């Protein structure tokens, strides 16, 4: 198990100009650090390999899987499936 460090130690290792402690605490509350730090007493502890994650980045969202209509089945089943797929694509 890796040794845990506090927010300021992690920030000095990760950034050349580390953010303030209040900013780091806000990032923890908003879930912007992954894996999320644990609160030990009055201090947050995290692993050295933790990273900052920007939730506004589009690349972080999962893309829905493309749903192809079934090749077999009745006409009614095919139509239902296409209608469901169209509502997901919008």
PDB file of N, CA and C in Angstrom:
ATOM      1  N   UNK A   1       0.841  -1.176   0.000  1.00  0.00           N
ATOM      2  CA  UNK A   1       0.000   0.000   0.000  1.00  0.00           C
ATOM      3  C   UNK A   1       0.888   1.242   0.000  1.00  0.00           C
ATOM      4  N   UNK A   2       0.516   2.191  -0.814  1.00  0.00           N
ATOM      5  CA  UNK A   2       1.297   3.416  -0.922  1.00  0.00           C
ATOM      6  C   UNK A   2       1.106   4.282   0.321  1.00  0.00           C
ATOM      7  N   UNK A   3       2.114   5.065   0.596  1.00  0.00           N
ATOM      8  CA  UNK A   3       2.063   5.956   1.746  1.00  0.00           C
ATOM      9  C   UNK A   3       1.114   7.111   1.438  1.00  0.00           C
ATOM     10  N   UNK A   4       0.249   7.448   2.370  1.00  0.00           N
ATOM     11  CA  UNK A   4      -0.701   8.535   2.183  1.00  0.00           C
ATOM     12  C   UNK A   4      -0.044   9.870   2.499  1.00  0.00           C
ATOM     13  N   UNK A   5      -0.461  10.901   1.776  1.00  0.00           N
ATOM     14  CA  UNK A   5       0.074  12.242   2.013  1.00  0.00           C
ATOM     15  C   UNK A   5      -1.087  13.223   2.122  1.00  0.00           C
ATOM     16  N   UNK A   6      -0.823  14.368   2.730  1.00  0.00           N
ATOM     17  CA  UNK A   6      -1.888  15.356   2.849  1.00  0.00           C
ATOM     18  C   UNK A   6      -1.997  16.173   1.562  1.00  0.00           C
ATOM     19  N   UNK A   7      -2.995  17.047   1.497  1.00  0.00           N
ATOM     20  CA  UNK A   7      -3.267  17.798   0.271  1.00  0.00           C
ATOM     21  C   UNK A   7      -2.113  18.702  -0.150  1.00  0.00           C
ATOM     22  N   UNK A   8      -1.515  19.395   0.809  1.00  0.00           N
ATOM     23  CA  UNK A   8      -0.434  20.312   0.453  1.00  0.00           C
ATOM     24  C   UNK A   8       0.795  19.574  -0.072  1.00  0.00           C
ATOM     25  N   UNK A   9       1.125  18.442   0.522  1.00  0.00           N
ATOM     26  CA  UNK A   9       2.256  17.653   0.032  1.00  0.00           C
ATOM     27  C   UNK A   9       1.993  17.158  -1.393  1.00  0.00           C
ATOM     28  N   UNK A  10       0.776  16.685  -1.640  1.00  0.00           N
ATOM     29  CA  UNK A  10       0.408  16.210  -2.970  1.00  0.00           C
ATOM     30  C   UNK A  10       0.475  17.340  -4.000  1.00  0.00           C
ATOM     31  N   UNK A  11      -0.006  18.522  -3.608  1.00  0.00           N
ATOM     32  CA  UNK A  11      -0.012  19.663  -4.523  1.00  0.00           C
ATOM     33  C   UNK A  11       1.408  20.111  -4.874  1.00  0.00           C
ATOM     34  N   UNK A  12       2.318  20.103  -3.893  1.00  0.00           N
ATOM     35  CA  UNK A  12       3.692  20.522  -4.183  1.00  0.00           C
ATOM     36  C   UNK A  12       4.405  19.525  -5.096  1.00  0.00           C
ATOM     37  N   UNK A  13       4.062  18.236  -4.992  1.00  0.00           N
ATOM     38  CA  UNK A  13       4.660  17.236  -5.880  1.00  0.00           C
ATOM     39  C   UNK A  13       4.045  17.267  -7.269  1.00  0.00           C
ATOM     40  N   UNK A  14       2.765  17.628  -7.355  1.00  0.00           N
ATOM     41  CA  UNK A  14       2.049  17.567  -8.627  1.00  0.00           C
ATOM     42  C   UNK A  14       2.209  18.840  -9.443  1.00  0.00           C
ATOM     43  N   UNK A  15       2.162  19.997  -8.814  1.00  0.00           N
ATOM     44  CA  UNK A  15       2.169  21.283  -9.513  1.00  0.00           C
ATOM     45  C   UNK A  15       3.447  22.064  -9.222  1.00  0.00           C
ATOM     46  N   UNK A  16       3.880  22.862 -10.206  1.00  0.00           N
ATOM     47  CA  UNK A  16       5.022  23.743  -9.968  1.00  0.00           C
ATOM     48  C   UNK A  16       4.596  24.932  -9.102  1.00  0.00           C
ATOM     49  N   UNK A  17       3.396  25.441  -9.341  1.00  0.00           N
ATOM     50  CA  UNK A  17       2.802  26.491  -8.499  1.00  0.00           C
ATOM     51  C   UNK A  17       1.522  25.920  -7.902  1.00  0.00           C
ATOM     52  N   UNK A  18       1.598  25.310  -6.716  1.00  0.00           N
ATOM     53  CA  UNK A  18       0.423  24.629  -6.164  1.00  0.00           C
ATOM     54  C   UNK A  18      -0.701  25.600  -5.801  1.00  0.00           C
ATOM     55  N   UNK A  19      -1.960  25.160  -5.958  1.00  0.00           N
ATOM     56  CA  UNK A  19      -3.091  25.993  -5.549  1.00  0.00           C
ATOM     57  C   UNK A  19      -3.153  26.117  -4.030  1.00  0.00           C
ATOM     58  N   UNK A  20      -3.976  27.051  -3.577  1.00  0.00           N
ATOM     59  CA  UNK A  20      -4.100  27.254  -2.128  1.00  0.00           C
ATOM     60  C   UNK A  20      -4.829  26.078  -1.489  1.00  0.00           C
ATOM     61  N   UNK A  21      -4.720  25.981  -0.176  1.00  0.00           N
ATOM     62  CA  UNK A  21      -5.348  24.893   0.559  1.00  0.00           C
ATOM     63  C   UNK A  21      -6.863  24.953   0.437  1.00  0.00           C
ATOM     64  N   UNK A  22      -7.432  26.147   0.419  1.00  0.00           N
ATOM     65  CA  UNK A  22      -8.892  26.254   0.284  1.00  0.00           C
ATOM     66  C   UNK A  22      -9.350  25.753  -1.087  1.00  0.00           C
ATOM     67  N   UNK A  23      -8.573  26.004  -2.130  1.00  0.00           N
ATOM     68  CA  UNK A  23      -8.903  25.494  -3.458  1.00  0.00           C
ATOM     69  C   UNK A  23      -8.818  23.977  -3.486  1.00  0.00           C
ATOM     70  N   UNK A  24      -7.790  23.426  -2.871  1.00  0.00           N
ATOM     71  CA  UNK A  24      -7.641  21.970  -2.824  1.00  0.00           C
ATOM     72  C   UNK A  24      -8.796  21.326  -2.075  1.00  0.00           C
ATOM     73  N   UNK A  25      -9.212  21.926  -0.971  1.00  0.00           N
ATOM     74  CA  UNK A  25     -10.356  21.391  -0.218  1.00  0.00           C
ATOM     75  C   UNK A  25     -11.645  21.468  -1.033  1.00  0.00           C
ATOM     76  N   UNK A  26     -11.818  22.555  -1.799  1.00  0.00           N
ATOM     77  CA  UNK A  26     -13.001  22.680  -2.647  1.00  0.00           C
ATOM     78  C   UNK A  26     -12.994  21.589  -3.719  1.00  0.00           C
ATOM     79  N   UNK A  27     -11.828  21.316  -4.309  1.00  0.00           N
ATOM     80  CA  UNK A  27     -11.727  20.258  -5.305  1.00  0.00           C
ATOM     81  C   UNK A  27     -12.130  18.908  -4.711  1.00  0.00           C
ATOM     82  N   UNK A  28     -11.741  18.659  -3.457  1.00  0.00           N
ATOM     83  CA  UNK A  28     -12.099  17.400  -2.808  1.00  0.00           C
ATOM     84  C   UNK A  28     -13.614  17.323  -2.626  1.00  0.00           C
ATOM     85  N   UNK A  29     -14.229  18.408  -2.153  1.00  0.00           N
ATOM     86  CA  UNK A  29     -15.678  18.411  -1.940  1.00  0.00           C
ATOM     87  C   UNK A  29     -16.447  18.234  -3.244  1.00  0.00           C
ATOM     88  N   UNK A  30     -15.921  18.785  -4.337  1.00  0.00           N
ATOM     89  CA  UNK A  30     -16.584  18.693  -5.635  1.00  0.00           C
ATOM     90  C   UNK A  30     -16.252  17.392  -6.371  1.00  0.00           C
ATOM     91  N   UNK A  31     -15.371  16.580  -5.816  1.00  0.00           N
ATOM     92  CA  UNK A  31     -15.018  15.301  -6.436  1.00  0.00           C
ATOM     93  C   UNK A  31     -14.110  15.433  -7.634  1.00  0.00           C
ATOM     94  N   UNK A  32     -13.239  16.419  -7.634  1.00  0.00           N
ATOM     95  CA  UNK A  32     -12.350  16.655  -8.767  1.00  0.00           C
ATOM     96  C   UNK A  32     -11.015  15.935  -8.647  1.00  0.00           C
ATOM     97  N   UNK A  33     -10.758  15.256  -7.562  1.00  0.00           N
ATOM     98  CA  UNK A  33      -9.516  14.513  -7.391  1.00  0.00           C
ATOM     99  C   UNK A  33      -9.867  13.031  -7.351  1.00  0.00           C
ATOM    100  N   UNK A  34      -9.179  12.256  -8.209  1.00  0.00           N
ATOM    101  CA  UNK A  34      -9.438  10.822  -8.277  1.00  0.00           C
ATOM    102  C   UNK A  34      -8.163  10.045  -8.030  1.00  0.00           C
ATOM    103  N   UNK A  35      -8.158   9.000  -7.246  1.00  0.00           N
ATOM    104  CA  UNK A  35      -9.220   8.543  -6.361  1.00  0.00           C
ATOM    105  C   UNK A  35      -9.452   9.534  -5.238  1.00  0.00           C
ATOM    106  N   UNK A  36     -10.675   9.576  -4.757  1.00  0.00           N
ATOM    107  CA  UNK A  36     -11.055  10.608  -3.800  1.00  0.00           C
ATOM    108  C   UNK A  36     -10.294  10.460  -2.480  1.00  0.00           C
ATOM    109  N   UNK A  37      -9.828  11.577  -1.938  1.00  0.00           N
ATOM    110  CA  UNK A  37      -9.105  11.555  -0.662  1.00  0.00           C
ATOM    111  C   UNK A  37     -10.023  11.162   0.497  1.00  0.00           C
ATOM    112  N   UNK A  38      -9.412  10.646   1.539  1.00  0.00           N
ATOM    113  CA  UNK A  38     -10.151  10.249   2.736  1.00  0.00           C
ATOM    114  C   UNK A  38      -9.872  11.264   3.837  1.00  0.00           C
ATOM    115  N   UNK A  39     -10.878  11.521   4.621  1.00  0.00           N
ATOM    116  CA  UNK A  39     -10.731  12.449   5.730  1.00  0.00           C
ATOM    117  C   UNK A  39     -10.227  11.682   6.951  1.00  0.00           C
ATOM    118  N   UNK A  40      -9.040  12.023   7.415  1.00  0.00           N
ATOM    119  CA  UNK A  40      -8.448  11.420   8.617  1.00  0.00           C
ATOM    120  C   UNK A  40      -8.383  12.509   9.676  1.00  0.00           C
ATOM    121  N   UNK A  41      -9.333  12.489  10.584  1.00  0.00           N
ATOM    122  CA  UNK A  41      -9.396  13.551  11.577  1.00  0.00           C
ATOM    123  C   UNK A  41      -9.838  14.843  10.923  1.00  0.00           C
ATOM    124  N   UNK A  42      -8.957  15.849  10.913  1.00  0.00           N
ATOM    125  CA  UNK A  42      -9.268  17.135  10.286  1.00  0.00           C
ATOM    126  C   UNK A  42      -8.519  17.331   8.975  1.00  0.00           C
ATOM    127  N   UNK A  43      -7.859  16.283   8.506  1.00  0.00           N
ATOM    128  CA  UNK A  43      -6.971  16.422   7.352  1.00  0.00           C
ATOM    129  C   UNK A  43      -7.310  15.376   6.289  1.00  0.00           C
ATOM    130  N   UNK A  44      -7.307  15.805   5.022  1.00  0.00           N
ATOM    131  CA  UNK A  44      -7.529  14.874   3.925  1.00  0.00           C
ATOM    132  C   UNK A  44      -6.224  14.179   3.582  1.00  0.00           C
ATOM    133  N   UNK A  45      -6.300  12.863   3.375  1.00  0.00           N
ATOM    134  CA  UNK A  45      -5.134  12.062   2.984  1.00  0.00           C
ATOM    135  C   UNK A  45      -5.433  11.390   1.657  1.00  0.00           C
ATOM    136  N   UNK A  46      -4.441  11.379   0.766  1.00  0.00           N
ATOM    137  CA  UNK A  46      -4.612  10.757  -0.531  1.00  0.00           C
ATOM    138  C   UNK A  46      -3.330  10.080  -0.966  1.00  0.00           C
ATOM    139  N   UNK A  47      -3.445   9.228  -1.977  1.00  0.00           N
ATOM    140  CA  UNK A  47      -2.289   8.511  -2.491  1.00  0.00           C
ATOM    141  C   UNK A  47      -1.491   9.409  -3.433  1.00  0.00           C
ATOM    142  N   UNK A  48      -0.197   9.173  -3.582  1.00  0.00           N
ATOM    143  CA  UNK A  48       0.631  10.016  -4.452  1.00  0.00           C
ATOM    144  C   UNK A  48       0.235   9.960  -5.930  1.00  0.00           C
ATOM    145  N   UNK A  49      -0.428   8.884  -6.366  1.00  0.00           N
ATOM    146  CA  UNK A  49      -0.801   8.772  -7.777  1.00  0.00           C
ATOM    147  C   UNK A  49      -2.172   9.364  -8.082  1.00  0.00           C
ATOM    148  N   UNK A  50      -2.764  10.111  -7.165  1.00  0.00           N
ATOM    149  CA  UNK A  50      -4.047  10.765  -7.405  1.00  0.00           C
ATOM    150  C   UNK A  50      -3.888  11.851  -8.459  1.00  0.00           C
ATOM    151  N   UNK A  51      -4.956  12.079  -9.217  1.00  0.00           N
ATOM    152  CA  UNK A  51      -4.921  13.067 -10.289  1.00  0.00           C
ATOM    153  C   UNK A  51      -6.132  13.986 -10.203  1.00  0.00           C
ATOM    154  N   UNK A  52      -5.959  15.191 -10.756  1.00  0.00           N
ATOM    155  CA  UNK A  52      -7.060  16.140 -10.857  1.00  0.00           C
ATOM    156  C   UNK A  52      -7.881  15.795 -12.088  1.00  0.00           C
ATOM    157  N   UNK A  53      -9.201  15.734 -11.933  1.00  0.00           N
ATOM    158  CA  UNK A  53     -10.101  15.409 -13.032  1.00  0.00           C
ATOM    159  C   UNK A  53     -11.060  16.569 -13.206  1.00  0.00           C
ATOM    160  N   UNK A  54     -11.103  17.133 -14.414  1.00  0.00           N
ATOM    161  CA  UNK A  54     -12.021  18.229 -14.706  1.00  0.00           C
ATOM    162  C   UNK A  54     -13.338  17.635 -15.177  1.00  0.00           C
ATOM    163  N   UNK A  55     -14.422  17.811 -14.422  1.00  0.00           N
ATOM    164  CA  UNK A  55     -15.693  17.182 -14.810  1.00  0.00           C
ATOM    165  C   UNK A  55     -16.308  17.793 -16.066  1.00  0.00           C
ATOM    166  N   UNK A  56     -15.829  18.949 -16.509  1.00  0.00           N
ATOM    167  CA  UNK A  56     -16.378  19.584 -17.708  1.00  0.00           C
ATOM    168  C   UNK A  56     -15.801  19.013 -18.994  1.00  0.00           C
ATOM    169  N   UNK A  57     -14.768  18.214 -18.898  1.00  0.00           N
ATOM    170  CA  UNK A  57     -14.153  17.647 -20.091  1.00  0.00           C
ATOM    171  C   UNK A  57     -15.101  16.649 -20.743  1.00  0.00           C
ATOM    172  N   UNK A  58     -15.237  16.766 -22.048  1.00  0.00           N
ATOM    173  CA  UNK A  58     -16.139  15.877 -22.768  1.00  0.00           C
ATOM    174  C   UNK A  58     -15.565  14.474 -22.887  1.00  0.00           C
ATOM    175  N   UNK A  59     -14.279  14.343 -22.883  1.00  0.00           N
ATOM    176  CA  UNK A  59     -13.658  13.031 -23.058  1.00  0.00           C
ATOM    177  C   UNK A  59     -13.880  12.126 -21.854  1.00  0.00           C
ATOM    178  N   UNK A  60     -14.257  12.687 -20.725  1.00  0.00           N
ATOM    179  CA  UNK A  60     -14.436  11.893 -19.525  1.00  0.00           C
ATOM    180  C   UNK A  60     -15.792  11.189 -19.498  1.00  0.00           C
ATOM    181  N   UNK A  61     -16.740  11.621 -20.336  1.00  0.00           N
ATOM    182  CA  UNK A  61     -18.072  11.023 -20.342  1.00  0.00           C
ATOM    183  C   UNK A  61     -18.074   9.779 -21.215  1.00  0.00           C
ATOM    184  N   UNK A  62     -18.831   8.783 -20.773  1.00  0.00           N
ATOM    185  CA  UNK A  62     -18.951   7.574 -21.565  1.00  0.00           C
ATOM    186  C   UNK A  62     -19.933   7.799 -22.705  1.00  0.00           C
ATOM    187  N   UNK A  63     -19.583   7.285 -23.859  1.00  0.00           N
ATOM    188  CA  UNK A  63     -20.474   7.382 -25.000  1.00  0.00           C
ATOM    189  C   UNK A  63     -21.448   6.206 -24.962  1.00  0.00           C
ATOM    190  N   UNK A  64     -22.714   6.450 -25.293  1.00  0.00           N
ATOM    191  CA  UNK A  64     -23.659   5.332 -25.300  1.00  0.00           C
ATOM    192  C   UNK A  64     -23.332   4.367 -26.431  1.00  0.00           C
ATOM    193  N   UNK A  65     -23.538   3.113 -26.162  1.00  0.00           N
ATOM    194  CA  UNK A  65     -23.270   2.100 -27.174  1.00  0.00           C
ATOM    195  C   UNK A  65     -24.313   2.201 -28.278  1.00  0.00           C
ATOM    196  N   UNK A  66     -23.875   2.027 -29.518  1.00  0.00           N
ATOM    197  CA  UNK A  66     -24.789   2.077 -30.653  1.00  0.00           C
ATOM    198  C   UNK A  66     -25.685   0.846 -30.616  1.00  0.00           C
ATOM    199  N   UNK A  67     -26.954   1.068 -30.748  1.00  0.00           N
ATOM    200  CA  UNK A  67     -27.908  -0.040 -30.696  1.00  0.00           C
ATOM    201  C   UNK A  67     -28.395  -0.310 -32.109  1.00  0.00           C
ATOM    202  N   UNK A  68     -28.066  -1.466 -32.627  1.00  0.00           N
ATOM    203  CA  UNK A  68     -28.490  -1.855 -33.968  1.00  0.00           C
ATOM    204  C   UNK A  68     -29.807  -2.613 -33.866  1.00  0.00           C
ATOM    205  N   UNK A  69     -30.704  -2.425 -34.837  1.00  0.00           N
ATOM    206  CA  UNK A  69     -31.969  -3.168 -34.803  1.00  0.00           C
ATOM    207  C   UNK A  69     -31.722  -4.661 -34.987  1.00  0.00           C
ATOM    208  N   UNK A  70     -32.552  -5.483 -34.396  1.00  0.00           N
ATOM    209  CA  UNK A  70     -32.352  -6.931 -34.506  1.00  0.00           C
ATOM    210  C   UNK A  70     -32.552  -7.411 -35.949  1.00  0.00           C
ATOM    211  N   UNK A  71     -31.776  -8.399 -36.334  1.00  0.00           N
ATOM    212  CA  UNK A  71     -31.881  -8.943 -37.692  1.00  0.00           C
ATOM    213  C   UNK A  71     -33.015  -9.945 -37.793  1.00  0.00           C
ATOM    214  N   UNK A  72     -33.331 -10.569 -36.685  1.00  0.00           N
ATOM    215  CA  UNK A  72     -34.418 -11.548 -36.668  1.00  0.00           C
ATOM    216  C   UNK A  72     -35.540 -11.014 -35.800  1.00  0.00           C
ATOM    217  N   UNK A  73     -36.708 -11.550 -36.002  1.00  0.00           N
ATOM    218  CA  UNK A  73     -37.847 -11.165 -35.185  1.00  0.00           C
ATOM    219  C   UNK A  73     -38.962 -10.623 -36.059  1.00  0.00           C
ATOM    220  N   UNK A  74     -40.080 -10.392 -35.412  1.00  0.00           N
ATOM    221  CA  UNK A  74     -41.243  -9.909 -36.153  1.00  0.00           C
ATOM    222  C   UNK A  74     -41.073  -8.440 -36.512  1.00  0.00           C
ATOM    223  N   UNK A  75     -41.916  -7.967 -37.409  1.00  0.00           N
ATOM    224  CA  UNK A  75     -41.874  -6.575 -37.828  1.00  0.00           C
ATOM    225  C   UNK A  75     -42.144  -5.651 -36.644  1.00  0.00           C
ATOM    226  N   UNK A  76     -43.041  -6.039 -35.773  1.00  0.00           N
ATOM    227  CA  UNK A  76     -43.388  -5.227 -34.605  1.00  0.00           C
ATOM    228  C   UNK A  76     -42.181  -5.073 -33.672  1.00  0.00           C
ATOM    229  N   UNK A  77     -41.430  -6.150 -33.442  1.00  0.00           N
ATOM    230  CA  UNK A  77     -40.238  -6.089 -32.596  1.00  0.00           C
ATOM    231  C   UNK A  77     -39.184  -5.170 -33.203  1.00  0.00           C
ATOM    232  N   UNK A  78     -39.024  -5.250 -34.523  1.00  0.00           N
ATOM    233  CA  UNK A  78     -38.049  -4.393 -35.198  1.00  0.00           C
ATOM    234  C   UNK A  78     -38.444  -2.923 -35.075  1.00  0.00           C
ATOM    235  N   UNK A  79     -39.708  -2.614 -35.255  1.00  0.00           N
ATOM    236  CA  UNK A  79     -40.169  -1.232 -35.152  1.00  0.00           C
ATOM    237  C   UNK A  79     -40.012  -0.690 -33.736  1.00  0.00           C
ATOM    238  N   UNK A  80     -40.325  -1.490 -32.739  1.00  0.00           N
ATOM    239  CA  UNK A  80     -40.156  -1.069 -31.339  1.00  0.00           C
ATOM    240  C   UNK A  80     -38.694  -0.754 -31.055  1.00  0.00           C
ATOM    241  N   UNK A  81     -37.825  -1.627 -31.530  1.00  0.00           N
ATOM    242  CA  UNK A  81     -36.399  -1.458 -31.266  1.00  0.00           C
ATOM    243  C   UNK A  81     -35.860  -0.193 -31.925  1.00  0.00           C
ATOM    244  N   UNK A  82     -36.295   0.094 -33.152  1.00  0.00           N
ATOM    245  CA  UNK A  82     -35.846   1.291 -33.852  1.00  0.00           C
ATOM    246  C   UNK A  82     -36.341   2.537 -33.138  1.00  0.00           C
ATOM    247  N   UNK A  83     -37.576   2.537 -32.653  1.00  0.00           N
ATOM    248  CA  UNK A  83     -38.108   3.693 -31.928  1.00  0.00           C
ATOM    249  C   UNK A  83     -37.315   3.942 -30.640  1.00  0.00           C
ATOM    250  N   UNK A  84     -36.970   2.876 -29.933  1.00  0.00           N
ATOM    251  CA  UNK A  84     -36.184   3.026 -28.700  1.00  0.00           C
ATOM    252  C   UNK A  84     -34.795   3.557 -29.016  1.00  0.00           C
ATOM    253  N   UNK A  85     -34.190   3.083 -30.089  1.00  0.00           N
ATOM    254  CA  UNK A  85     -32.853   3.532 -30.452  1.00  0.00           C
ATOM    255  C   UNK A  85     -32.874   4.999 -30.859  1.00  0.00           C
ATOM    256  N   UNK A  86     -33.922   5.434 -31.542  1.00  0.00           N
ATOM    257  CA  UNK A  86     -33.996   6.839 -31.952  1.00  0.00           C
ATOM    258  C   UNK A  86     -34.136   7.755 -30.748  1.00  0.00           C
ATOM    259  N   UNK A  87     -34.856   7.328 -29.719  1.00  0.00           N
ATOM    260  CA  UNK A  87     -34.994   8.183 -28.532  1.00  0.00           C
ATOM    261  C   UNK A  87     -33.671   8.276 -27.795  1.00  0.00           C
ATOM    262  N   UNK A  88     -32.837   7.264 -27.865  1.00  0.00           N
ATOM    263  CA  UNK A  88     -31.540   7.311 -27.195  1.00  0.00           C
ATOM    264  C   UNK A  88     -30.553   8.176 -27.966  1.00  0.00           C
ATOM    265  N   UNK A  89     -30.657   8.246 -29.271  1.00  0.00           N
ATOM    266  CA  UNK A  89     -29.701   8.994 -30.079  1.00  0.00           C
ATOM    267  C   UNK A  89     -29.885  10.499 -29.998  1.00  0.00           C
ATOM    268  N   UNK A  90     -31.045  10.951 -29.619  1.00  0.00           N
ATOM    269  CA  UNK A  90     -31.312  12.399 -29.605  1.00  0.00           C
ATOM    270  C   UNK A  90     -30.548  13.113 -28.572  1.00  0.00           C
TER     271      UNK A  90
END
